[in-house]
């Protein structure tokens, strides 16, 4: 198992995929210049568009997508594994997928993953999101090999579903990916602790490239891209919401060592749940 450098690219994607592709190229080149051979971009690298009609006009099929085409060219030119954290892809059935793509150093698609868990929430500050109204959820977890490590896929809201990461760790993943566009409110509350928890629970590295700042469509995202080691230590962070690149060394042997110290993946047991009724208090009204 070889040691390699991973980079998380922090972006502030606007509504134009073409303009975002220019930013993508600049930041990916910066990551590669720092020695990164695995480079991850955030959720919705291609565009963040709240308006339904504008969103429908912005996105196209994978073979025609400007972000995918740019990424293929860069991966091949720079000789890197380039992970588009996600972008909106028009499927053959006319539905949109929130899709992650991993491109090889030859520009080929090694793996793709459609976000499983849809962000359908109402927040305290009045923000309301219904991702399921725009995107068709995926149904399959994905792991694949990179540079002597095994990568597990997730996107943003998936972070709140630890069973996904556990399944990927049990399938061999020692690097877990969480490209995201966390809102500022939820990011301030939970971003760091959830990412560190997923690393600790699974004895795995976590690489999480984030969107950050105030976007053209009016949303505000948290930023703070992170790379966490298998012991739960933050080893790289963009401690702000500006576009940036962070780089850290990934050593798969450290995942193996963490799992030997705390062998919870091996020690897990099947169990059932018994749910009894609470006893009624004496004198309680019927």
C-alpha atoms as a PDB file:
ATOM      1  CA  UNK A   1       0.000   0.000   0.000  1.00  0.00           C
ATOM      2  CA  UNK A   2       1.585   3.246  -1.143  1.00  0.00           C
ATOM      3  CA  UNK A   3       1.541   6.699   0.421  1.00  0.00           C
ATOM      4  CA  UNK A   4       0.080   9.451  -1.775  1.00  0.00           C
ATOM      5  CA  UNK A   5      -1.152  13.038  -1.526  1.00  0.00           C
ATOM      6  CA  UNK A   6      -4.847  13.849  -1.631  1.00  0.00           C
ATOM      7  CA  UNK A   7      -6.315  17.283  -2.283  1.00  0.00           C
ATOM      8  CA  UNK A   8      -9.724  18.751  -1.505  1.00  0.00           C
ATOM      9  CA  UNK A   9     -10.719  21.647  -3.755  1.00  0.00           C
ATOM     10  CA  UNK A  10     -13.006  24.250  -2.176  1.00  0.00           C
ATOM     11  CA  UNK A  11     -15.187  26.139  -4.652  1.00  0.00           C
ATOM     12  CA  UNK A  12     -17.940  28.719  -4.844  1.00  0.00           C
ATOM     13  CA  UNK A  13     -19.822  27.416  -7.854  1.00  0.00           C
ATOM     14  CA  UNK A  14     -22.137  29.849  -9.603  1.00  0.00           C
ATOM     15  CA  UNK A  15     -24.986  29.259 -12.026  1.00  0.00           C
ATOM     16  CA  UNK A  16     -22.857  28.866 -15.184  1.00  0.00           C
ATOM     17  CA  UNK A  17     -21.194  25.471 -15.771  1.00  0.00           C
ATOM     18  CA  UNK A  18     -18.824  27.101 -18.271  1.00  0.00           C
ATOM     19  CA  UNK A  19     -17.542  29.649 -15.731  1.00  0.00           C
ATOM     20  CA  UNK A  20     -17.322  26.968 -13.054  1.00  0.00           C
ATOM     21  CA  UNK A  21     -15.253  24.823 -15.424  1.00  0.00           C
ATOM     22  CA  UNK A  22     -12.694  27.640 -15.632  1.00  0.00           C
ATOM     23  CA  UNK A  23     -12.479  27.806 -11.811  1.00  0.00           C
ATOM     24  CA  UNK A  24     -12.288  24.018 -11.648  1.00  0.00           C
ATOM     25  CA  UNK A  25      -9.305  23.926 -13.990  1.00  0.00           C
ATOM     26  CA  UNK A  26      -7.400  26.596 -12.079  1.00  0.00           C
ATOM     27  CA  UNK A  27      -7.886  24.900  -8.707  1.00  0.00           C
ATOM     28  CA  UNK A  28      -7.187  21.369  -9.947  1.00  0.00           C
ATOM     29  CA  UNK A  29      -3.960  22.548 -11.552  1.00  0.00           C
ATOM     30  CA  UNK A  30      -2.998  24.146  -8.242  1.00  0.00           C
ATOM     31  CA  UNK A  31      -3.673  20.873  -6.409  1.00  0.00           C
ATOM     32  CA  UNK A  32      -1.601  18.866  -8.879  1.00  0.00           C
ATOM     33  CA  UNK A  33       1.256  21.384  -8.599  1.00  0.00           C
ATOM     34  CA  UNK A  34       1.346  20.597  -4.860  1.00  0.00           C
ATOM     35  CA  UNK A  35       1.873  16.911  -5.610  1.00  0.00           C
ATOM     36  CA  UNK A  36      -1.686  15.632  -5.218  1.00  0.00           C
ATOM     37  CA  UNK A  37      -2.420  12.501  -7.244  1.00  0.00           C
ATOM     38  CA  UNK A  38      -6.012  12.226  -5.982  1.00  0.00           C
ATOM     39  CA  UNK A  39      -8.014  15.457  -6.271  1.00  0.00           C
ATOM     40  CA  UNK A  40     -11.614  15.844  -5.078  1.00  0.00           C
ATOM     41  CA  UNK A  41     -14.013  18.688  -5.898  1.00  0.00           C
ATOM     42  CA  UNK A  42     -17.245  19.597  -4.032  1.00  0.00           C
ATOM     43  CA  UNK A  43     -20.846  18.598  -4.473  1.00  0.00           C
ATOM     44  CA  UNK A  44     -22.458  20.387  -7.420  1.00  0.00           C
ATOM     45  CA  UNK A  45     -19.160  21.421  -8.953  1.00  0.00           C
ATOM     46  CA  UNK A  46     -20.971  22.150 -12.218  1.00  0.00           C
ATOM     47  CA  UNK A  47     -23.498  24.675 -10.938  1.00  0.00           C
ATOM     48  CA  UNK A  48     -25.628  25.636  -7.955  1.00  0.00           C
ATOM     49  CA  UNK A  49     -29.017  26.712  -9.319  1.00  0.00           C
ATOM     50  CA  UNK A  50     -32.142  27.005  -7.162  1.00  0.00           C
ATOM     51  CA  UNK A  51     -34.579  28.052  -9.907  1.00  0.00           C
ATOM     52  CA  UNK A  52     -36.194  24.941 -11.386  1.00  0.00           C
ATOM     53  CA  UNK A  53     -36.441  26.199 -14.975  1.00  0.00           C
ATOM     54  CA  UNK A  54     -32.914  27.606 -14.987  1.00  0.00           C
ATOM     55  CA  UNK A  55     -31.649  24.340 -13.527  1.00  0.00           C
ATOM     56  CA  UNK A  56     -33.327  22.317 -16.257  1.00  0.00           C
ATOM     57  CA  UNK A  57     -31.729  24.532 -18.912  1.00  0.00           C
ATOM     58  CA  UNK A  58     -28.237  24.302 -17.365  1.00  0.00           C
ATOM     59  CA  UNK A  59     -27.686  20.561 -17.243  1.00  0.00           C
ATOM     60  CA  UNK A  60     -27.141  17.925 -19.901  1.00  0.00           C
ATOM     61  CA  UNK A  61     -26.098  14.316 -20.345  1.00  0.00           C
ATOM     62  CA  UNK A  62     -22.753  13.046 -19.073  1.00  0.00           C
ATOM     63  CA  UNK A  63     -21.227  12.786 -22.567  1.00  0.00           C
ATOM     64  CA  UNK A  64     -22.035  16.449 -23.311  1.00  0.00           C
ATOM     65  CA  UNK A  65     -21.309  17.952 -19.890  1.00  0.00           C
ATOM     66  CA  UNK A  66     -18.610  20.666 -19.856  1.00  0.00           C
ATOM     67  CA  UNK A  67     -17.475  19.813 -16.309  1.00  0.00           C
ATOM     68  CA  UNK A  68     -17.022  16.133 -17.164  1.00  0.00           C
ATOM     69  CA  UNK A  69     -15.176  16.996 -20.380  1.00  0.00           C
ATOM     70  CA  UNK A  70     -12.881  19.427 -18.557  1.00  0.00           C
ATOM     71  CA  UNK A  71     -12.201  16.877 -15.833  1.00  0.00           C
ATOM     72  CA  UNK A  72     -11.366  14.135 -18.326  1.00  0.00           C
ATOM     73  CA  UNK A  73      -8.858  16.384 -20.067  1.00  0.00           C
ATOM     74  CA  UNK A  74      -7.245  17.490 -16.808  1.00  0.00           C
ATOM     75  CA  UNK A  75      -7.025  13.977 -15.340  1.00  0.00           C
ATOM     76  CA  UNK A  76      -5.249  12.721 -18.467  1.00  0.00           C
ATOM     77  CA  UNK A  77      -2.965  15.745 -18.848  1.00  0.00           C
ATOM     78  CA  UNK A  78      -1.955  15.871 -15.179  1.00  0.00           C
ATOM     79  CA  UNK A  79      -1.884  12.102 -14.634  1.00  0.00           C
ATOM     80  CA  UNK A  80      -4.160  12.206 -11.576  1.00  0.00           C
ATOM     81  CA  UNK A  81      -7.257  10.572 -10.182  1.00  0.00           C
ATOM     82  CA  UNK A  82      -9.797  13.387 -10.466  1.00  0.00           C
ATOM     83  CA  UNK A  83     -12.970  12.967  -8.418  1.00  0.00           C
ATOM     84  CA  UNK A  84     -15.787  15.305  -9.399  1.00  0.00           C
ATOM     85  CA  UNK A  85     -17.546  15.336  -6.032  1.00  0.00           C
ATOM     86  CA  UNK A  86     -20.822  15.640  -7.850  1.00  0.00           C
ATOM     87  CA  UNK A  87     -22.506  17.468 -10.668  1.00  0.00           C
ATOM     88  CA  UNK A  88     -26.037  17.358 -12.033  1.00  0.00           C
ATOM     89  CA  UNK A  89     -26.337  14.860 -14.887  1.00  0.00           C
ATOM     90  CA  UNK A  90     -29.365  14.380 -17.136  1.00  0.00           C
ATOM     91  CA  UNK A  91     -30.169  10.678 -17.239  1.00  0.00           C
ATOM     92  CA  UNK A  92     -31.493   8.798 -20.256  1.00  0.00           C
ATOM     93  CA  UNK A  93     -34.961   8.722 -18.655  1.00  0.00           C
ATOM     94  CA  UNK A  94     -35.048  12.535 -18.440  1.00  0.00           C
ATOM     95  CA  UNK A  95     -34.475  12.669 -14.667  1.00  0.00           C
ATOM     96  CA  UNK A  96     -31.527  14.410 -12.998  1.00  0.00           C
ATOM     97  CA  UNK A  97     -28.919  12.572 -10.933  1.00  0.00           C
ATOM     98  CA  UNK A  98     -26.651  14.207  -8.356  1.00  0.00           C
ATOM     99  CA  UNK A  99     -23.670  12.225  -9.631  1.00  0.00           C
ATOM    100  CA  UNK A 100     -20.078  11.774  -8.478  1.00  0.00           C
ATOM    101  CA  UNK A 101     -17.500  10.678 -11.055  1.00  0.00           C
ATOM    102  CA  UNK A 102     -13.983   9.330 -10.552  1.00  0.00           C
ATOM    103  CA  UNK A 103     -11.691   9.754 -13.558  1.00  0.00           C
ATOM    104  CA  UNK A 104      -8.459   7.823 -13.985  1.00  0.00           C
ATOM    105  CA  UNK A 105      -5.055   9.277 -14.958  1.00  0.00           C
ATOM    106  CA  UNK A 106      -6.009   8.187 -18.481  1.00  0.00           C
ATOM    107  CA  UNK A 107      -9.217  10.234 -18.434  1.00  0.00           C
ATOM    108  CA  UNK A 108     -11.460   7.187 -18.219  1.00  0.00           C
ATOM    109  CA  UNK A 109     -14.429   6.877 -15.841  1.00  0.00           C
ATOM    110  CA  UNK A 110     -13.407   4.440 -13.101  1.00  0.00           C
ATOM    111  CA  UNK A 111     -16.608   4.739 -11.085  1.00  0.00           C
ATOM    112  CA  UNK A 112     -19.722   6.819 -10.668  1.00  0.00           C
ATOM    113  CA  UNK A 113     -22.072   7.221  -7.721  1.00  0.00           C
ATOM    114  CA  UNK A 114     -25.530   8.803  -7.560  1.00  0.00           C
ATOM    115  CA  UNK A 115     -26.302  10.454  -4.215  1.00  0.00           C
ATOM    116  CA  UNK A 116     -28.593   8.182  -2.226  1.00  0.00           C
ATOM    117  CA  UNK A 117     -29.998  10.396   0.544  1.00  0.00           C
ATOM    118  CA  UNK A 118     -31.976  13.456  -0.539  1.00  0.00           C
ATOM    119  CA  UNK A 119     -31.737  16.693   1.478  1.00  0.00           C
ATOM    120  CA  UNK A 120     -35.428  17.319   2.275  1.00  0.00           C
ATOM    121  CA  UNK A 121     -35.421  19.582   5.348  1.00  0.00           C
ATOM    122  CA  UNK A 122     -36.838  22.750   6.901  1.00  0.00           C
ATOM    123  CA  UNK A 123     -34.248  24.671   8.928  1.00  0.00           C
ATOM    124  CA  UNK A 124     -34.777  27.059  11.849  1.00  0.00           C
ATOM    125  CA  UNK A 125     -33.705  30.113   9.855  1.00  0.00           C
ATOM    126  CA  UNK A 126     -36.465  29.626   7.283  1.00  0.00           C
ATOM    127  CA  UNK A 127     -34.382  27.736   4.726  1.00  0.00           C
ATOM    128  CA  UNK A 128     -36.325  24.935   3.098  1.00  0.00           C
ATOM    129  CA  UNK A 129     -34.844  22.317   0.760  1.00  0.00           C
ATOM    130  CA  UNK A 130     -36.500  19.564  -1.263  1.00  0.00           C
ATOM    131  CA  UNK A 131     -33.729  17.844  -3.166  1.00  0.00           C
ATOM    132  CA  UNK A 132     -36.007  14.941  -4.026  1.00  0.00           C
ATOM    133  CA  UNK A 133     -38.117  17.327  -6.121  1.00  0.00           C
ATOM    134  CA  UNK A 134     -35.161  17.855  -8.468  1.00  0.00           C
ATOM    135  CA  UNK A 135     -33.066  14.678  -8.342  1.00  0.00           C
ATOM    136  CA  UNK A 136     -33.622  10.945  -8.563  1.00  0.00           C
ATOM    137  CA  UNK A 137     -31.855   9.222  -5.639  1.00  0.00           C
ATOM    138  CA  UNK A 138     -29.266   6.530  -6.212  1.00  0.00           C
ATOM    139  CA  UNK A 139     -29.654   3.020  -4.878  1.00  0.00           C
ATOM    140  CA  UNK A 140     -26.108   1.618  -4.774  1.00  0.00           C
ATOM    141  CA  UNK A 141     -23.058   2.256  -2.601  1.00  0.00           C
ATOM    142  CA  UNK A 142     -19.759   2.283  -4.502  1.00  0.00           C
ATOM    143  CA  UNK A 143     -16.129   1.525  -3.622  1.00  0.00           C
ATOM    144  CA  UNK A 144     -13.156   1.449  -6.008  1.00  0.00           C
ATOM    145  CA  UNK A 145      -9.361   1.362  -5.931  1.00  0.00           C
ATOM    146  CA  UNK A 146      -7.090   4.422  -6.192  1.00  0.00           C
ATOM    147  CA  UNK A 147      -3.301   4.591  -5.736  1.00  0.00           C
ATOM    148  CA  UNK A 148      -3.135   1.516  -3.488  1.00  0.00           C
ATOM    149  CA  UNK A 149      -6.118   2.608  -1.392  1.00  0.00           C
ATOM    150  CA  UNK A 150      -9.835   1.862  -1.667  1.00  0.00           C
ATOM    151  CA  UNK A 151     -12.224   4.803  -1.963  1.00  0.00           C
ATOM    152  CA  UNK A 152     -15.814   4.838  -0.713  1.00  0.00           C
ATOM    153  CA  UNK A 153     -18.276   7.305  -2.211  1.00  0.00           C
ATOM    154  CA  UNK A 154     -20.821   9.597  -0.562  1.00  0.00           C
ATOM    155  CA  UNK A 155     -22.219  13.077  -1.206  1.00  0.00           C
ATOM    156  CA  UNK A 156     -23.090  15.743   1.386  1.00  0.00           C
ATOM    157  CA  UNK A 157     -26.313  14.711   3.208  1.00  0.00           C
ATOM    158  CA  UNK A 158     -25.164  11.086   3.026  1.00  0.00           C
ATOM    159  CA  UNK A 159     -22.815  12.100   5.856  1.00  0.00           C
ATOM    160  CA  UNK A 160     -25.725  11.806   8.316  1.00  0.00           C
ATOM    161  CA  UNK A 161     -26.272   8.121   7.484  1.00  0.00           C
ATOM    162  CA  UNK A 162     -23.426   6.189   9.133  1.00  0.00           C
ATOM    163  CA  UNK A 163     -24.650   2.851   7.823  1.00  0.00           C
ATOM    164  CA  UNK A 164     -23.515   3.856   4.322  1.00  0.00           C
ATOM    165  CA  UNK A 165     -19.939   4.435   5.485  1.00  0.00           C
ATOM    166  CA  UNK A 166     -19.907   1.280   7.572  1.00  0.00           C
ATOM    167  CA  UNK A 167     -21.002  -0.774   4.562  1.00  0.00           C
ATOM    168  CA  UNK A 168     -18.237   0.769   2.459  1.00  0.00           C
ATOM    169  CA  UNK A 169     -15.618   0.203   5.171  1.00  0.00           C
ATOM    170  CA  UNK A 170     -16.671  -3.444   5.438  1.00  0.00           C
ATOM    171  CA  UNK A 171     -16.286  -3.655   1.649  1.00  0.00           C
ATOM    172  CA  UNK A 172     -12.663  -2.520   2.025  1.00  0.00           C
ATOM    173  CA  UNK A 173     -12.772   1.279   1.836  1.00  0.00           C
ATOM    174  CA  UNK A 174      -9.952   2.923   3.791  1.00  0.00           C
ATOM    175  CA  UNK A 175     -10.599   6.392   2.332  1.00  0.00           C
ATOM    176  CA  UNK A 176     -14.137   7.796   2.560  1.00  0.00           C
ATOM    177  CA  UNK A 177     -15.233  10.759   0.439  1.00  0.00           C
ATOM    178  CA  UNK A 178     -17.782  13.386   1.441  1.00  0.00           C
ATOM    179  CA  UNK A 179     -17.869  16.174  -1.173  1.00  0.00           C
ATOM    180  CA  UNK A 180     -20.494  18.626   0.040  1.00  0.00           C
ATOM    181  CA  UNK A 181     -22.418  21.867  -0.168  1.00  0.00           C
ATOM    182  CA  UNK A 182     -23.360  22.103   3.515  1.00  0.00           C
ATOM    183  CA  UNK A 183     -25.461  25.126   4.447  1.00  0.00           C
ATOM    184  CA  UNK A 184     -23.786  27.594   6.783  1.00  0.00           C
ATOM    185  CA  UNK A 185     -26.239  26.795   9.606  1.00  0.00           C
ATOM    186  CA  UNK A 186     -25.792  23.028   9.482  1.00  0.00           C
ATOM    187  CA  UNK A 187     -22.074  23.318   8.785  1.00  0.00           C
ATOM    188  CA  UNK A 188     -21.420  25.443  11.849  1.00  0.00           C
ATOM    189  CA  UNK A 189     -23.338  22.951  13.970  1.00  0.00           C
ATOM    190  CA  UNK A 190     -22.266  19.554  12.666  1.00  0.00           C
ATOM    191  CA  UNK A 191     -19.682  19.535   9.845  1.00  0.00           C
ATOM    192  CA  UNK A 192     -16.509  18.900  11.849  1.00  0.00           C
ATOM    193  CA  UNK A 193     -17.974  16.498  14.377  1.00  0.00           C
ATOM    194  CA  UNK A 194     -19.737  14.314  11.797  1.00  0.00           C
ATOM    195  CA  UNK A 195     -16.687  14.023   9.540  1.00  0.00           C
ATOM    196  CA  UNK A 196     -14.446  13.122  12.475  1.00  0.00           C
ATOM    197  CA  UNK A 197     -17.023  10.620  13.714  1.00  0.00           C
ATOM    198  CA  UNK A 198     -17.193   8.835  10.347  1.00  0.00           C
ATOM    199  CA  UNK A 199     -13.371   8.594  10.332  1.00  0.00           C
ATOM    200  CA  UNK A 200     -13.208   7.251  13.899  1.00  0.00           C
ATOM    201  CA  UNK A 201     -16.093   4.790  13.496  1.00  0.00           C
ATOM    202  CA  UNK A 202     -14.532   3.215  10.438  1.00  0.00           C
ATOM    203  CA  UNK A 203     -10.803   3.652  10.998  1.00  0.00           C
ATOM    204  CA  UNK A 204     -10.604   5.437   7.658  1.00  0.00           C
ATOM    205  CA  UNK A 205      -9.396   8.686   6.145  1.00  0.00           C
ATOM    206  CA  UNK A 206     -12.156  11.135   5.226  1.00  0.00           C
ATOM    207  CA  UNK A 207     -11.679  13.633   2.405  1.00  0.00           C
ATOM    208  CA  UNK A 208     -14.385  16.293   2.205  1.00  0.00           C
ATOM    209  CA  UNK A 209     -14.220  19.034  -0.437  1.00  0.00           C
ATOM    210  CA  UNK A 210     -16.811  21.729   0.211  1.00  0.00           C
ATOM    211  CA  UNK A 211     -18.620  24.611  -1.399  1.00  0.00           C
ATOM    212  CA  UNK A 212     -18.177  27.874   0.489  1.00  0.00           C
ATOM    213  CA  UNK A 213     -19.566  31.402   0.687  1.00  0.00           C
ATOM    214  CA  UNK A 214     -22.481  33.313  -0.821  1.00  0.00           C
ATOM    215  CA  UNK A 215     -23.454  31.872  -4.207  1.00  0.00           C
ATOM    216  CA  UNK A 216     -25.081  33.506  -7.215  1.00  0.00           C
ATOM    217  CA  UNK A 217     -28.377  31.736  -6.567  1.00  0.00           C
ATOM    218  CA  UNK A 218     -28.552  33.223  -3.044  1.00  0.00           C
ATOM    219  CA  UNK A 219     -27.631  30.205  -0.947  1.00  0.00           C
ATOM    220  CA  UNK A 220     -24.761  30.341   1.545  1.00  0.00           C
ATOM    221  CA  UNK A 221     -22.508  27.366   2.167  1.00  0.00           C
ATOM    222  CA  UNK A 222     -20.090  26.674   4.994  1.00  0.00           C
ATOM    223  CA  UNK A 223     -16.772  25.852   3.315  1.00  0.00           C
ATOM    224  CA  UNK A 224     -14.152  24.442   5.726  1.00  0.00           C
ATOM    225  CA  UNK A 225     -13.014  21.591   3.476  1.00  0.00           C
ATOM    226  CA  UNK A 226     -11.383  18.906   5.634  1.00  0.00           C
ATOM    227  CA  UNK A 227      -9.119  15.895   5.458  1.00  0.00           C
ATOM    228  CA  UNK A 228      -9.322  13.687   8.564  1.00  0.00           C
ATOM    229  CA  UNK A 229      -7.050  10.764   9.432  1.00  0.00           C
ATOM    230  CA  UNK A 230      -8.249   7.323  10.665  1.00  0.00           C
ATOM    231  CA  UNK A 231      -7.770   8.360  14.303  1.00  0.00           C
ATOM    232  CA  UNK A 232     -10.135  11.306  13.837  1.00  0.00           C
ATOM    233  CA  UNK A 233      -7.473  14.022  13.659  1.00  0.00           C
ATOM    234  CA  UNK A 234      -7.942  16.912  11.236  1.00  0.00           C
ATOM    235  CA  UNK A 235      -4.778  16.889   9.112  1.00  0.00           C
ATOM    236  CA  UNK A 236      -5.801  19.613   6.636  1.00  0.00           C
ATOM    237  CA  UNK A 237      -8.495  22.290   6.680  1.00  0.00           C
ATOM    238  CA  UNK A 238      -9.540  25.325   4.696  1.00  0.00           C
ATOM    239  CA  UNK A 239     -10.551  27.296   7.790  1.00  0.00           C
ATOM    240  CA  UNK A 240     -12.770  29.703   5.835  1.00  0.00           C
ATOM    241  CA  UNK A 241     -15.316  29.746   2.995  1.00  0.00           C
ATOM    242  CA  UNK A 242     -13.129  31.095   0.164  1.00  0.00           C
ATOM    243  CA  UNK A 243     -12.032  29.030  -2.873  1.00  0.00           C
ATOM    244  CA  UNK A 244      -8.908  27.111  -1.886  1.00  0.00           C
ATOM    245  CA  UNK A 245      -6.930  23.882  -2.130  1.00  0.00           C
ATOM    246  CA  UNK A 246      -5.869  21.748   0.835  1.00  0.00           C
ATOM    247  CA  UNK A 247      -3.470  18.808   0.594  1.00  0.00           C
ATOM    248  CA  UNK A 248      -2.555  16.001   2.984  1.00  0.00           C
ATOM    249  CA  UNK A 249      -0.682  12.715   2.865  1.00  0.00           C
ATOM    250  CA  UNK A 250      -2.727   9.525   2.774  1.00  0.00           C
ATOM    251  CA  UNK A 251      -1.084   6.374   4.136  1.00  0.00           C
ATOM    252  CA  UNK A 252      -3.401   3.340   3.894  1.00  0.00           C
ATOM    253  CA  UNK A 253      -1.242   1.572   6.485  1.00  0.00           C
ATOM    254  CA  UNK A 254      -2.532   4.068   9.058  1.00  0.00           C
ATOM    255  CA  UNK A 255      -6.083   2.870   8.427  1.00  0.00           C
ATOM    256  CA  UNK A 256      -4.985  -0.710   8.976  1.00  0.00           C
ATOM    257  CA  UNK A 257      -3.201   0.303  12.198  1.00  0.00           C
ATOM    258  CA  UNK A 258      -6.266   2.147  13.513  1.00  0.00           C
ATOM    259  CA  UNK A 259      -8.475  -0.861  12.816  1.00  0.00           C
ATOM    260  CA  UNK A 260      -6.080  -3.142  14.665  1.00  0.00           C
ATOM    261  CA  UNK A 261      -6.120  -0.884  17.720  1.00  0.00           C
ATOM    262  CA  UNK A 262      -9.925  -0.540  17.719  1.00  0.00           C
ATOM    263  CA  UNK A 263     -11.270  -3.591  15.846  1.00  0.00           C
ATOM    264  CA  UNK A 264     -14.918  -2.510  15.877  1.00  0.00           C
ATOM    265  CA  UNK A 265     -15.445  -3.571  12.267  1.00  0.00           C
ATOM    266  CA  UNK A 266     -14.594  -7.150  13.289  1.00  0.00           C
ATOM    267  CA  UNK A 267     -16.368  -7.001  16.650  1.00  0.00           C
ATOM    268  CA  UNK A 268     -19.778  -5.924  15.353  1.00  0.00           C
ATOM    269  CA  UNK A 269     -22.625  -8.334  16.145  1.00  0.00           C
ATOM    270  CA  UNK A 270     -26.120  -8.790  14.809  1.00  0.00           C
ATOM    271  CA  UNK A 271     -28.902  -7.890  17.237  1.00  0.00           C
ATOM    272  CA  UNK A 272     -32.623  -7.309  17.394  1.00  0.00           C
ATOM    273  CA  UNK A 273     -34.557  -4.463  18.997  1.00  0.00           C
ATOM    274  CA  UNK A 274     -37.191  -5.045  21.669  1.00  0.00           C
ATOM    275  CA  UNK A 275     -39.471  -2.034  22.090  1.00  0.00           C
ATOM    276  CA  UNK A 276     -41.766  -2.219  25.127  1.00  0.00           C
ATOM    277  CA  UNK A 277     -44.474   0.221  26.160  1.00  0.00           C
ATOM    278  CA  UNK A 278     -43.756   2.702  28.952  1.00  0.00           C
ATOM    279  CA  UNK A 279     -45.618   1.891  32.199  1.00  0.00           C
ATOM    280  CA  UNK A 280     -48.576   4.079  33.065  1.00  0.00           C
ATOM    281  CA  UNK A 281     -48.294   6.160  36.231  1.00  0.00           C
ATOM    282  CA  UNK A 282     -50.835   5.528  39.008  1.00  0.00           C
ATOM    283  CA  UNK A 283     -53.592   8.031  38.948  1.00  0.00           C
ATOM    284  CA  UNK A 284     -52.870   9.127  35.406  1.00  0.00           C
ATOM    285  CA  UNK A 285     -55.918  10.239  33.467  1.00  0.00           C
ATOM    286  CA  UNK A 286     -57.246   7.630  31.090  1.00  0.00           C
END
